[in-house]
């Protein structure tokens, strides 16, 4: 439709009402207040729908907290409550809650009217008029929902259009058209809005989309292009079944694909999204547009290389718009460009040869299907640099570990010492203890001494999860105190790697005690620092 560009689109967010219908989601009154504050003051959405009337005492308390705050801020006309054609019950509840706006739920399809209410259109219209009049007399402004409007337009358009015409003659501010079951296609949204806006050009219509076919954002796009004046959203797309149109995606689409004006501050979206995620307990999928963990993360090295050269893999969805930062993931498809991007972020500079070794180590770890993060990078660099500083005359060739309930852990170990393999089997109080007893057996046969283990420390890089890397730092006493570290997704293997380094360092002490001790101490301090 021509002549629509430049219009201002209202955003009404219903996270606190329709979003709370998500299975398992129930916000505390204090949580509702915090979300309401962020939506109106930080994000600056135009309106919020915060509850359904008559639900519970907790719901009443939540609305009272919000309306008390909103009244002080001058936002009361932007706080809305769903109510029913049950005069005077819903209106009285809303007045007790301190709200000033009723979103009246009416039947938008003949099927709902006949089979749920078992009433005629005339009866329903009369009761609607009475509810609107009662609200108006009590200084409550009214918007009207047409529940099941989409099915109404499909199957009983005469009834639905008659209801809209009737409402245009009532003291109603907005008529709100929900795709209650999320069943419309974009073509249907376009056709229905063209018809309705063409018949009632002076009426403010809101569109309320659901996402059952994953078409909510596409349907919103068609709705605003064909005359909708307002859009209903929820943060993170919360809502029953497949949820509602997600606020974050709707805002991005309106800003990037239309000339319409909106008042939402998109740089605040991520902050609000994360808080709603925390309060709702509904985890945001990693690949969810705009707010997902991975959506501004480049994994392929070629992408990072292109971004280094001329932002070749950027689109208009720049992370800074939404209060985020672009990241370059580390894994088996990482190239040096990815590593460089992450090193820049950490303020670390490596020599060319060191960068090659770090890249290779990350690829090895990625092949284990472990997720490598920026937080892991200092640990990996430290591990690689320490490996480079140590001559590797002794290595673990192979091992087999068992750990069973009621039985002692055991280890079969093969150790390579200066090119010759030695095998040993041992049991112990734990897998690492078993490993060390096997090493001691081999060293006893070689008449070699081992240092005393005096400290054993395990840590996980910040932000690590259950699939994180484990860094084991072991402190040894061999007449002098020194430390070795190992890095691996498996804690025992990390400790074994640290021990392998120890064996080589001890060997170097024995070969050239003064020189090697000094060299190793310097190398280790540089790595640790």
Protein backbone atom coordinates (compact mmCIF):
# COMPACT_ATOMS: atom_id res chain seq x y z
CA UNK A 1 0.00 0.00 0.00
CA UNK A 2 1.31 3.41 -0.93
CA UNK A 3 1.39 6.37 1.38
CA UNK A 4 2.03 4.35 4.54
CA UNK A 5 5.77 4.87 4.88
CA UNK A 6 6.80 7.29 7.58
CA UNK A 7 3.96 6.30 9.91
CA UNK A 8 4.81 5.66 13.53
CA UNK A 9 4.21 2.10 14.63
CA UNK A 10 3.23 1.51 18.25
CA UNK A 11 4.91 -1.39 20.01
CA UNK A 12 2.81 -2.99 22.72
CA UNK A 13 4.77 -5.62 24.63
CA UNK A 14 2.77 -8.34 26.35
CA UNK A 15 5.58 -10.34 27.96
CA UNK A 16 4.02 -9.92 31.38
CA UNK A 17 0.60 -11.16 30.26
CA UNK A 18 0.70 -13.35 27.16
CA UNK A 19 4.37 -14.20 27.61
CA UNK A 20 3.62 -15.50 31.08
CA UNK A 21 1.35 -18.11 29.48
CA UNK A 22 4.53 -19.92 28.41
CA UNK A 23 4.46 -23.36 30.02
CA UNK A 24 6.24 -23.21 33.38
CA UNK A 25 6.64 -19.41 33.47
CA UNK A 26 5.28 -17.39 36.37
CA UNK A 27 6.84 -14.06 37.28
CA UNK A 28 6.92 -12.89 40.88
CA UNK A 29 5.29 -9.50 41.56
CA UNK A 30 8.72 -7.95 42.14
CA UNK A 31 10.01 -9.49 38.89
CA UNK A 32 7.03 -8.10 37.01
CA UNK A 33 7.83 -4.63 38.31
CA UNK A 34 11.48 -4.87 37.23
CA UNK A 35 10.54 -6.04 33.75
CA UNK A 36 7.88 -3.31 33.44
CA UNK A 37 10.44 -0.66 34.40
CA UNK A 38 12.92 -1.92 31.81
CA UNK A 39 10.29 -2.14 29.06
CA UNK A 40 8.97 1.39 29.59
CA UNK A 41 12.06 3.27 30.76
CA UNK A 42 14.97 1.46 29.11
CA UNK A 43 13.52 -0.04 25.94
CA UNK A 44 10.84 2.66 25.70
CA UNK A 45 8.11 0.50 24.21
CA UNK A 46 4.86 2.44 23.78
CA UNK A 47 2.64 0.24 25.93
CA UNK A 48 2.79 -2.89 28.06
CA UNK A 49 0.10 -5.43 28.85
CA UNK A 50 0.82 -6.68 32.34
CA UNK A 51 -1.85 -9.16 33.41
CA UNK A 52 -5.26 -10.73 33.01
CA UNK A 53 -7.98 -9.54 35.37
CA UNK A 54 -9.40 -11.90 38.02
CA UNK A 55 -6.50 -14.35 37.89
CA UNK A 56 -5.11 -14.38 41.45
CA UNK A 57 -4.13 -12.31 44.45
CA UNK A 58 -0.52 -12.54 43.30
CA UNK A 59 -1.51 -11.14 39.92
CA UNK A 60 -3.36 -8.29 41.63
CA UNK A 61 -0.30 -7.50 43.76
CA UNK A 62 1.93 -7.52 40.70
CA UNK A 63 -0.29 -5.08 38.82
CA UNK A 64 -0.59 -2.83 41.88
CA UNK A 65 3.20 -2.63 42.15
CA UNK A 66 3.45 -1.65 38.49
CA UNK A 67 0.60 0.87 38.51
CA UNK A 68 1.86 2.53 41.69
CA UNK A 69 5.26 3.05 40.06
CA UNK A 70 3.74 4.02 36.69
CA UNK A 71 1.49 6.63 38.31
CA UNK A 72 4.54 8.33 39.85
CA UNK A 73 6.28 8.33 36.47
CA UNK A 74 3.31 9.46 34.38
CA UNK A 75 3.12 6.12 32.54
CA UNK A 76 -0.29 4.93 33.76
CA UNK A 77 -2.00 5.28 30.38
CA UNK A 78 0.67 2.94 28.92
CA UNK A 79 -0.10 0.05 31.31
CA UNK A 80 -2.87 -2.25 30.10
CA UNK A 81 -4.77 -5.20 31.57
CA UNK A 82 -6.72 -7.89 29.74
CA UNK A 83 -10.36 -8.09 30.85
CA UNK A 84 -13.50 -9.95 29.91
CA UNK A 85 -17.11 -9.27 28.92
CA UNK A 86 -18.27 -9.85 32.50
CA UNK A 87 -19.44 -6.42 33.66
CA UNK A 88 -18.68 -5.24 36.28
CA UNK A 89 -16.15 -7.84 37.50
CA UNK A 90 -13.13 -7.19 35.23
CA UNK A 91 -13.49 -3.42 35.32
CA UNK A 92 -13.75 -3.43 39.12
CA UNK A 93 -10.67 -5.66 39.35
CA UNK A 94 -8.75 -3.29 37.10
CA UNK A 95 -9.78 -0.30 39.21
CA UNK A 96 -8.67 -2.10 42.38
CA UNK A 97 -5.34 -2.81 40.67
CA UNK A 98 -4.92 0.91 39.98
CA UNK A 99 -4.85 0.51 36.18
CA UNK A 100 -6.55 2.80 33.69
CA UNK A 101 -6.66 0.75 30.47
CA UNK A 102 -8.85 -2.30 29.74
CA UNK A 103 -8.03 -4.60 26.83
CA UNK A 104 -11.47 -6.18 26.40
CA UNK A 105 -11.49 -9.75 25.07
CA UNK A 106 -14.34 -10.37 22.64
CA UNK A 107 -15.05 -13.22 20.24
CA UNK A 108 -13.60 -12.51 16.80
CA UNK A 109 -14.99 -15.63 15.13
CA UNK A 110 -18.52 -16.97 14.91
CA UNK A 111 -17.18 -20.42 15.81
CA UNK A 112 -15.89 -19.20 19.20
CA UNK A 113 -19.07 -17.23 19.86
CA UNK A 114 -21.49 -20.05 19.11
CA UNK A 115 -19.57 -22.98 20.61
CA UNK A 116 -17.85 -21.33 23.58
CA UNK A 117 -20.25 -18.60 24.68
CA UNK A 118 -23.34 -20.17 23.07
CA UNK A 119 -24.70 -16.71 22.28
CA UNK A 120 -25.94 -14.86 19.24
CA UNK A 121 -24.00 -11.96 17.72
CA UNK A 122 -26.71 -9.55 18.92
CA UNK A 123 -26.36 -10.75 22.52
CA UNK A 124 -22.58 -10.51 22.39
CA UNK A 125 -22.61 -7.02 20.86
CA UNK A 126 -25.02 -5.81 23.52
CA UNK A 127 -22.85 -7.15 26.35
CA UNK A 128 -19.72 -5.65 24.76
CA UNK A 129 -21.40 -2.25 24.59
CA UNK A 130 -22.38 -2.52 28.26
CA UNK A 131 -18.78 -3.41 29.28
CA UNK A 132 -17.37 -0.47 27.30
CA UNK A 133 -19.94 1.90 28.74
CA UNK A 134 -19.26 0.77 32.32
CA UNK A 135 -15.52 1.18 31.83
CA UNK A 136 -15.98 4.59 30.26
CA UNK A 137 -18.11 5.78 33.19
CA UNK A 138 -15.33 4.73 35.55
CA UNK A 139 -12.66 6.57 33.58
CA UNK A 140 -11.14 3.35 32.20
CA UNK A 141 -10.13 3.61 28.54
CA UNK A 142 -10.82 0.59 26.33
CA UNK A 143 -9.05 -1.32 23.58
CA UNK A 144 -10.77 -4.40 22.17
CA UNK A 145 -9.31 -7.79 21.25
CA UNK A 146 -11.07 -9.94 18.62
CA UNK A 147 -10.09 -13.39 19.87
CA UNK A 148 -9.64 -15.91 17.01
CA UNK A 149 -9.85 -13.06 14.49
CA UNK A 150 -7.77 -15.04 11.97
CA UNK A 151 -10.25 -17.93 11.90
CA UNK A 152 -13.05 -15.39 11.83
CA UNK A 153 -11.67 -13.83 8.64
CA UNK A 154 -11.18 -17.26 7.12
CA UNK A 155 -14.50 -18.86 8.04
CA UNK A 156 -17.01 -16.19 9.15
CA UNK A 157 -15.87 -12.89 7.59
CA UNK A 158 -19.35 -11.38 7.61
CA UNK A 159 -19.63 -11.76 11.39
CA UNK A 160 -16.06 -10.53 12.02
CA UNK A 161 -16.44 -7.46 9.81
CA UNK A 162 -19.80 -6.67 11.44
CA UNK A 163 -18.13 -6.80 14.85
CA UNK A 164 -15.39 -4.42 13.68
CA UNK A 165 -17.96 -2.03 12.24
CA UNK A 166 -19.90 -2.14 15.51
CA UNK A 167 -16.74 -1.39 17.51
CA UNK A 168 -15.82 1.59 15.33
CA UNK A 169 -18.99 3.25 16.65
CA UNK A 170 -18.07 2.65 20.30
CA UNK A 171 -15.72 4.78 22.47
CA UNK A 172 -12.83 2.42 21.75
CA UNK A 173 -9.25 3.58 21.22
CA UNK A 174 -7.83 0.55 19.40
CA UNK A 175 -9.11 -2.64 17.79
CA UNK A 176 -6.62 -5.49 18.26
CA UNK A 177 -6.53 -8.34 15.76
CA UNK A 178 -4.89 -11.53 17.06
CA UNK A 179 -3.82 -14.56 15.05
CA UNK A 180 -4.74 -16.53 18.17
CA UNK A 181 -3.67 -19.94 16.87
CA UNK A 182 -0.74 -18.73 14.77
CA UNK A 183 -2.27 -20.14 11.60
CA UNK A 184 -2.09 -17.28 9.09
CA UNK A 185 0.26 -17.04 6.11
CA UNK A 186 1.79 -13.70 5.11
CA UNK A 187 -0.51 -13.58 2.06
CA UNK A 188 -3.58 -13.92 4.27
CA UNK A 189 -2.34 -11.19 6.63
CA UNK A 190 -1.85 -8.90 3.63
CA UNK A 191 -5.29 -9.64 2.17
CA UNK A 192 -7.14 -9.32 5.49
CA UNK A 193 -5.48 -6.02 6.38
CA UNK A 194 -6.06 -4.61 2.91
CA UNK A 195 -9.76 -5.45 3.28
CA UNK A 196 -10.18 -4.15 6.84
CA UNK A 197 -8.08 -1.00 6.52
CA UNK A 198 -9.78 -0.26 3.22
CA UNK A 199 -13.23 -0.45 4.88
CA UNK A 200 -12.21 1.36 8.10
CA UNK A 201 -9.32 3.70 7.18
CA UNK A 202 -9.63 5.92 10.27
CA UNK A 203 -9.42 3.09 12.81
CA UNK A 204 -6.28 2.16 14.74
CA UNK A 205 -5.64 -1.58 14.32
CA UNK A 206 -3.08 -3.57 16.33
CA UNK A 207 -1.81 -6.93 15.08
CA UNK A 208 -1.05 -9.70 17.57
CA UNK A 209 0.90 -12.56 15.93
CA UNK A 210 1.70 -16.04 17.20
CA UNK A 211 4.57 -18.16 15.92
CA UNK A 212 3.19 -21.68 15.44
CA UNK A 213 4.45 -21.90 11.83
CA UNK A 214 7.52 -19.74 12.54
CA UNK A 215 5.84 -16.99 10.49
CA UNK A 216 5.13 -14.41 13.18
CA UNK A 217 7.79 -11.91 12.09
CA UNK A 218 6.92 -12.32 8.39
CA UNK A 219 3.25 -11.81 9.28
CA UNK A 220 4.10 -8.70 11.31
CA UNK A 221 5.93 -7.34 8.28
CA UNK A 222 2.86 -7.82 6.09
CA UNK A 223 0.61 -6.37 8.78
CA UNK A 224 2.46 -3.07 9.06
CA UNK A 225 2.99 -2.76 5.31
CA UNK A 226 -0.77 -3.08 4.84
CA UNK A 227 -2.08 -0.76 7.51
CA UNK A 228 -1.51 -2.09 11.05
CA UNK A 229 -0.78 0.82 13.38
CA UNK A 230 0.47 -1.25 16.30
CA UNK A 231 2.27 -4.54 16.85
CA UNK A 232 2.17 -6.81 19.90
CA UNK A 233 5.39 -8.56 20.94
CA UNK A 234 6.98 -10.51 23.76
CA UNK A 235 10.63 -10.45 24.84
CA UNK A 236 12.44 -13.57 23.55
CA UNK A 237 9.21 -14.61 21.81
CA UNK A 238 7.68 -15.98 25.03
CA UNK A 239 4.09 -17.18 24.84
CA UNK A 240 2.05 -20.35 24.85
CA UNK A 241 2.80 -23.09 22.34
CA UNK A 242 5.46 -21.71 19.93
CA UNK A 243 5.24 -18.24 21.44
CA UNK A 244 4.47 -14.74 20.18
CA UNK A 245 6.23 -12.43 17.74
CA UNK A 246 9.64 -11.78 19.40
CA UNK A 247 10.21 -8.12 20.21
CA UNK A 248 13.90 -8.26 19.27
CA UNK A 249 13.25 -9.56 15.73
CA UNK A 250 10.24 -7.31 15.13
CA UNK A 251 12.27 -4.21 16.00
CA UNK A 252 15.15 -5.23 13.73
CA UNK A 253 12.80 -5.94 10.81
CA UNK A 254 10.89 -2.67 11.14
CA UNK A 255 14.12 -0.66 11.36
CA UNK A 256 15.89 -2.38 8.48
CA UNK A 257 13.11 -3.12 6.00
CA UNK A 258 10.67 -0.21 6.35
CA UNK A 259 10.58 3.56 6.71
CA UNK A 260 8.23 3.40 9.67
CA UNK A 261 9.17 5.13 12.90
CA UNK A 262 9.35 3.34 16.26
CA UNK A 263 10.41 4.60 19.64
CA UNK A 264 12.15 1.46 20.93
CA UNK A 265 15.80 1.86 21.98
CA UNK A 266 17.23 -1.22 20.36
CA UNK A 267 20.64 -0.96 22.09
CA UNK A 268 18.85 -1.95 25.31
CA UNK A 269 17.30 -5.11 23.85
CA UNK A 270 19.99 -7.58 24.91
CA UNK A 271 20.04 -6.38 28.52
CA UNK A 272 16.26 -6.77 28.83
CA UNK A 273 16.34 -10.10 27.00
CA UNK A 274 18.86 -11.57 29.45
CA UNK A 275 16.89 -10.40 32.47
CA UNK A 276 13.68 -11.93 31.11
CA UNK A 277 15.61 -15.13 30.40
CA UNK A 278 16.75 -15.20 34.03
CA UNK A 279 13.32 -14.44 35.52
CA UNK A 280 11.41 -16.78 33.21
CA UNK A 281 13.82 -19.70 33.39
CA UNK A 282 13.35 -20.10 29.62
CA UNK A 283 16.78 -20.47 28.03
CA UNK A 284 17.36 -18.46 24.85
CA UNK A 285 18.39 -20.81 22.01
CA UNK A 286 22.00 -20.15 20.99
CA UNK A 287 20.99 -19.48 17.37
CA UNK A 288 18.01 -17.22 18.14
CA UNK A 289 18.25 -14.04 16.01
CA UNK A 290 19.48 -10.84 17.69
CA UNK A 291 19.71 -12.20 21.26
CA UNK A 292 21.07 -15.76 20.85
CA UNK A 293 24.56 -16.54 22.16
CA UNK A 294 25.93 -17.51 18.74
CA UNK A 295 24.30 -15.05 16.34
CA UNK A 296 27.17 -12.56 16.42
CA UNK A 297 29.87 -15.20 16.53
CA UNK A 298 31.91 -16.07 13.44
CA UNK A 299 33.35 -19.58 13.54
CA UNK A 300 34.85 -20.02 10.08
CA UNK A 301 38.35 -18.58 9.77
CA UNK A 302 37.56 -17.25 6.27
CA UNK A 303 34.84 -15.04 7.77
CA UNK A 304 37.22 -13.51 10.30
CA UNK A 305 39.76 -12.96 7.52
CA UNK A 306 37.14 -11.20 5.41
CA UNK A 307 36.10 -9.05 8.34
CA UNK A 308 39.73 -8.07 8.94
CA UNK A 309 40.06 -6.94 5.34
CA UNK A 310 36.83 -5.07 4.67
CA UNK A 311 34.00 -6.34 6.93
CA UNK A 312 33.05 -8.70 4.10
CA UNK A 313 30.83 -10.85 6.31
CA UNK A 314 28.93 -8.08 8.10
CA UNK A 315 25.24 -7.34 7.46
CA UNK A 316 23.06 -4.59 8.89
CA UNK A 317 22.52 -6.57 12.08
CA UNK A 318 25.56 -5.13 13.79
CA UNK A 319 25.82 -6.43 17.37
CA UNK A 320 26.53 -2.95 18.78
CA UNK A 321 22.99 -1.94 17.78
CA UNK A 322 21.63 -4.31 20.40
CA UNK A 323 24.20 -3.73 23.13
CA UNK A 324 26.37 -6.67 22.09
CA UNK A 325 29.81 -7.38 20.60
CA UNK A 326 30.87 -9.51 17.63
CA UNK A 327 32.89 -12.58 18.62
CA UNK A 328 35.07 -14.94 16.67
CA UNK A 329 34.60 -18.50 17.85
CA UNK A 330 37.52 -20.85 18.25
CA UNK A 331 37.27 -24.42 16.98
CA UNK A 332 38.40 -26.83 14.30
CA UNK A 333 37.38 -24.42 11.48
CA UNK A 334 39.26 -21.54 13.07
CA UNK A 335 42.06 -19.89 11.14
CA UNK A 336 44.71 -17.46 12.25
CA UNK A 337 42.35 -14.57 11.56
CA UNK A 338 39.95 -15.84 14.23
CA UNK A 339 42.80 -16.24 16.68
CA UNK A 340 44.10 -12.75 15.90
CA UNK A 341 40.65 -11.23 16.49
CA UNK A 342 40.46 -12.88 19.90
CA UNK A 343 44.04 -11.97 20.78
CA UNK A 344 43.29 -8.33 19.92
CA UNK A 345 40.36 -8.44 22.34
CA UNK A 346 42.66 -9.78 25.07
CA UNK A 347 45.54 -7.42 24.24
CA UNK A 348 47.92 -10.34 23.53
CA UNK A 349 50.51 -10.42 20.74
CA UNK A 350 52.24 -13.63 19.61
CA UNK A 351 55.14 -14.36 17.32
CA UNK A 352 54.30 -16.00 13.98
CA UNK A 353 55.58 -19.43 15.05
CA UNK A 354 53.71 -19.22 18.36
CA UNK A 355 50.49 -18.23 16.58
CA UNK A 356 50.83 -21.27 14.32
CA UNK A 357 51.21 -23.59 17.31
CA UNK A 358 48.28 -22.02 19.17
CA UNK A 359 46.10 -22.35 16.06
CA UNK A 360 47.04 -26.02 15.71
CA UNK A 361 46.24 -26.67 19.38
CA UNK A 362 42.81 -25.05 19.02
CA UNK A 363 42.10 -27.17 15.94
CA UNK A 364 43.07 -30.30 17.90
CA UNK A 365 40.73 -29.33 20.72
CA UNK A 366 37.97 -28.47 18.23
CA UNK A 367 38.30 -31.97 16.74
CA UNK A 368 37.29 -33.28 20.17
CA UNK A 369 34.04 -31.29 19.65
CA UNK A 370 34.89 -29.10 22.60
CA UNK A 371 33.64 -25.52 22.50
CA UNK A 372 36.59 -23.15 22.69
CA UNK A 373 35.88 -19.65 24.00
CA UNK A 374 37.83 -16.41 24.27
CA UNK A 375 38.12 -17.08 28.00
CA UNK A 376 39.92 -20.35 27.23
CA UNK A 377 42.52 -18.67 25.02
CA UNK A 378 44.98 -17.50 27.72
CA UNK A 379 44.99 -21.04 29.14
CA UNK A 380 45.69 -22.53 25.72
CA UNK A 381 48.46 -20.00 25.00
CA UNK A 382 50.06 -20.68 28.36
CA UNK A 383 49.91 -24.43 27.76
CA UNK A 384 51.41 -24.14 24.27
CA UNK A 385 54.21 -21.80 25.31
CA UNK A 386 55.13 -24.00 28.26
CA UNK A 387 55.25 -27.04 25.97
CA UNK A 388 57.63 -25.17 23.66
CA UNK A 389 60.01 -24.44 26.53
CA UNK A 390 60.41 -28.08 27.56
CA UNK A 391 62.45 -30.77 25.80
CA UNK A 392 60.25 -33.82 25.33
CA UNK A 393 62.41 -36.85 25.98
CA UNK A 394 59.74 -38.64 27.99
CA UNK A 395 56.14 -39.03 26.79
CA UNK A 396 52.96 -40.89 27.61
CA UNK A 397 52.46 -43.29 24.69
CA UNK A 398 49.19 -44.81 25.86
CA UNK A 399 46.97 -45.53 28.82
CA UNK A 400 43.80 -47.31 29.82
CA UNK A 401 41.92 -46.23 32.94
CA UNK A 402 39.03 -47.92 34.77
CA UNK A 403 36.82 -46.53 37.50
CA UNK A 404 34.11 -48.78 38.92
CA UNK A 405 31.88 -48.60 41.97
CA UNK A 406 33.11 -50.91 44.72
CA UNK A 407 36.47 -51.49 43.01
CA UNK A 408 39.70 -49.51 43.11
CA UNK A 409 40.53 -47.48 39.99
CA UNK A 410 43.29 -48.97 37.86
CA UNK A 411 45.59 -47.73 35.09
CA UNK A 412 47.56 -49.50 32.37
CA UNK A 413 50.33 -47.14 31.29
CA UNK A 414 52.91 -47.13 28.50
CA UNK A 415 55.69 -44.56 28.94
CA UNK A 416 58.29 -43.72 26.29
CA UNK A 417 61.66 -42.84 27.82
CA UNK A 418 64.30 -41.75 25.30
CA UNK A 419 62.70 -43.82 22.53
CA UNK A 420 62.10 -47.00 24.53
CA UNK A 421 58.64 -48.08 25.76
CA UNK A 422 57.92 -49.25 29.31
CA UNK A 423 54.62 -50.70 30.55
CA UNK A 424 53.15 -50.81 34.05
CA UNK A 425 49.80 -51.46 35.71
CA UNK A 426 48.69 -50.10 39.07
CA UNK A 427 45.66 -49.49 41.26
CA UNK A 428 45.16 -46.58 43.60
CA UNK A 429 42.71 -44.40 45.50
CA UNK A 430 41.79 -42.52 42.33
CA UNK A 431 42.61 -42.52 38.64
CA UNK A 432 45.45 -40.03 39.01
CA UNK A 433 46.82 -41.87 42.04
CA UNK A 434 46.77 -45.09 39.99
CA UNK A 435 48.59 -43.31 37.15
CA UNK A 436 51.30 -42.00 39.49
CA UNK A 437 51.83 -45.45 41.03
CA UNK A 438 52.34 -46.87 37.51
CA UNK A 439 54.88 -44.12 36.77
CA UNK A 440 56.68 -44.91 40.03
CA UNK A 441 56.92 -48.58 39.06
CA UNK A 442 58.56 -47.68 35.75
CA UNK A 443 60.89 -45.14 37.38
CA UNK A 444 61.85 -47.62 40.10
CA UNK A 445 62.85 -50.14 37.41
CA UNK A 446 64.95 -47.40 35.76
CA UNK A 447 66.44 -46.37 39.13
CA UNK A 448 65.17 -42.84 38.61
CA UNK A 449 63.83 -40.56 41.34
CA UNK A 450 60.55 -38.65 41.22
CA UNK A 451 59.84 -35.32 42.92
CA UNK A 452 57.32 -34.98 45.73
CA UNK A 453 53.88 -33.63 44.83
CA UNK A 454 53.10 -30.83 47.26
CA UNK A 455 50.05 -29.10 45.69
CA UNK A 456 47.43 -29.98 43.12
CA UNK A 457 45.12 -27.22 41.84
CA UNK A 458 42.26 -27.54 39.36
CA UNK A 459 40.54 -24.60 37.69
CA UNK A 460 38.12 -23.90 34.85
CA UNK A 461 38.41 -20.82 32.62
CA UNK A 462 35.91 -18.05 33.52
CA UNK A 463 32.55 -18.63 31.87
CA UNK A 464 33.29 -22.34 31.51
CA UNK A 465 30.47 -24.88 31.60
CA UNK A 466 30.42 -28.65 32.04
CA UNK A 467 32.15 -29.04 28.65
CA UNK A 468 34.84 -26.53 29.59
CA UNK A 469 38.56 -27.11 29.61
CA UNK A 470 40.21 -28.04 32.89
CA UNK A 471 43.58 -26.62 33.82
CA UNK A 472 45.52 -28.62 36.39
CA UNK A 473 48.52 -26.94 38.00
CA UNK A 474 50.73 -29.24 40.09
CA UNK A 475 53.48 -28.00 42.39
CA UNK A 476 56.51 -30.28 42.81
CA UNK A 477 59.48 -30.39 45.19
CA UNK A 478 62.71 -31.75 43.67
CA UNK A 479 65.14 -29.95 45.91
CA UNK A 480 63.65 -26.87 44.30
CA UNK A 481 59.98 -25.93 43.99
CA UNK A 482 58.49 -25.78 40.51
CA UNK A 483 55.08 -26.04 38.86
CA UNK A 484 53.71 -27.68 35.74
CA UNK A 485 50.31 -27.36 34.14
CA UNK A 486 48.11 -29.45 31.89
CA UNK A 487 45.04 -28.42 29.86
CA UNK A 488 42.38 -30.82 28.64
CA UNK A 489 38.59 -31.31 28.77
CA UNK A 490 39.25 -34.30 31.07
CA UNK A 491 40.57 -33.46 34.54
CA UNK A 492 42.65 -36.62 34.94
CA UNK A 493 44.19 -36.27 31.49
CA UNK A 494 45.05 -32.62 32.28
CA UNK A 495 46.87 -33.83 35.41
CA UNK A 496 48.70 -36.51 33.41
CA UNK A 497 49.87 -33.88 30.89
CA UNK A 498 51.15 -31.74 33.75
CA UNK A 499 52.98 -34.78 35.08
CA UNK A 500 54.50 -35.55 31.68
CA UNK A 501 55.97 -32.04 31.66
CA UNK A 502 57.32 -32.62 35.15
CA UNK A 503 59.12 -35.78 34.04
CA UNK A 504 60.88 -33.90 31.25
CA UNK A 505 61.79 -30.98 33.49
CA UNK A 506 63.28 -33.32 36.10
CA UNK A 507 65.26 -34.98 33.32
CA UNK A 508 66.59 -31.59 32.25
CA UNK A 509 67.51 -30.78 35.86
CA UNK A 510 69.56 -33.97 36.01
CA UNK A 511 71.27 -33.27 32.66
CA UNK A 512 72.28 -29.66 33.39
CA UNK A 513 70.95 -28.68 36.81
CA UNK A 514 71.92 -25.01 37.02
CA UNK A 515 71.30 -23.96 33.40
CA UNK A 516 68.05 -25.85 32.91
CA UNK A 517 66.64 -24.82 36.28
CA UNK A 518 67.23 -21.15 35.51
CA UNK A 519 65.88 -21.46 31.96
CA UNK A 520 62.76 -23.28 33.04
CA UNK A 521 62.06 -20.82 35.85
CA UNK A 522 62.29 -17.88 33.43
CA UNK A 523 60.12 -19.56 30.84
CA UNK A 524 57.50 -20.49 33.38
CA UNK A 525 57.36 -17.03 34.91
CA UNK A 526 56.86 -15.53 31.44
CA UNK A 527 54.03 -17.96 30.72
CA UNK A 528 52.37 -17.56 34.10
CA UNK A 529 52.66 -13.77 34.01
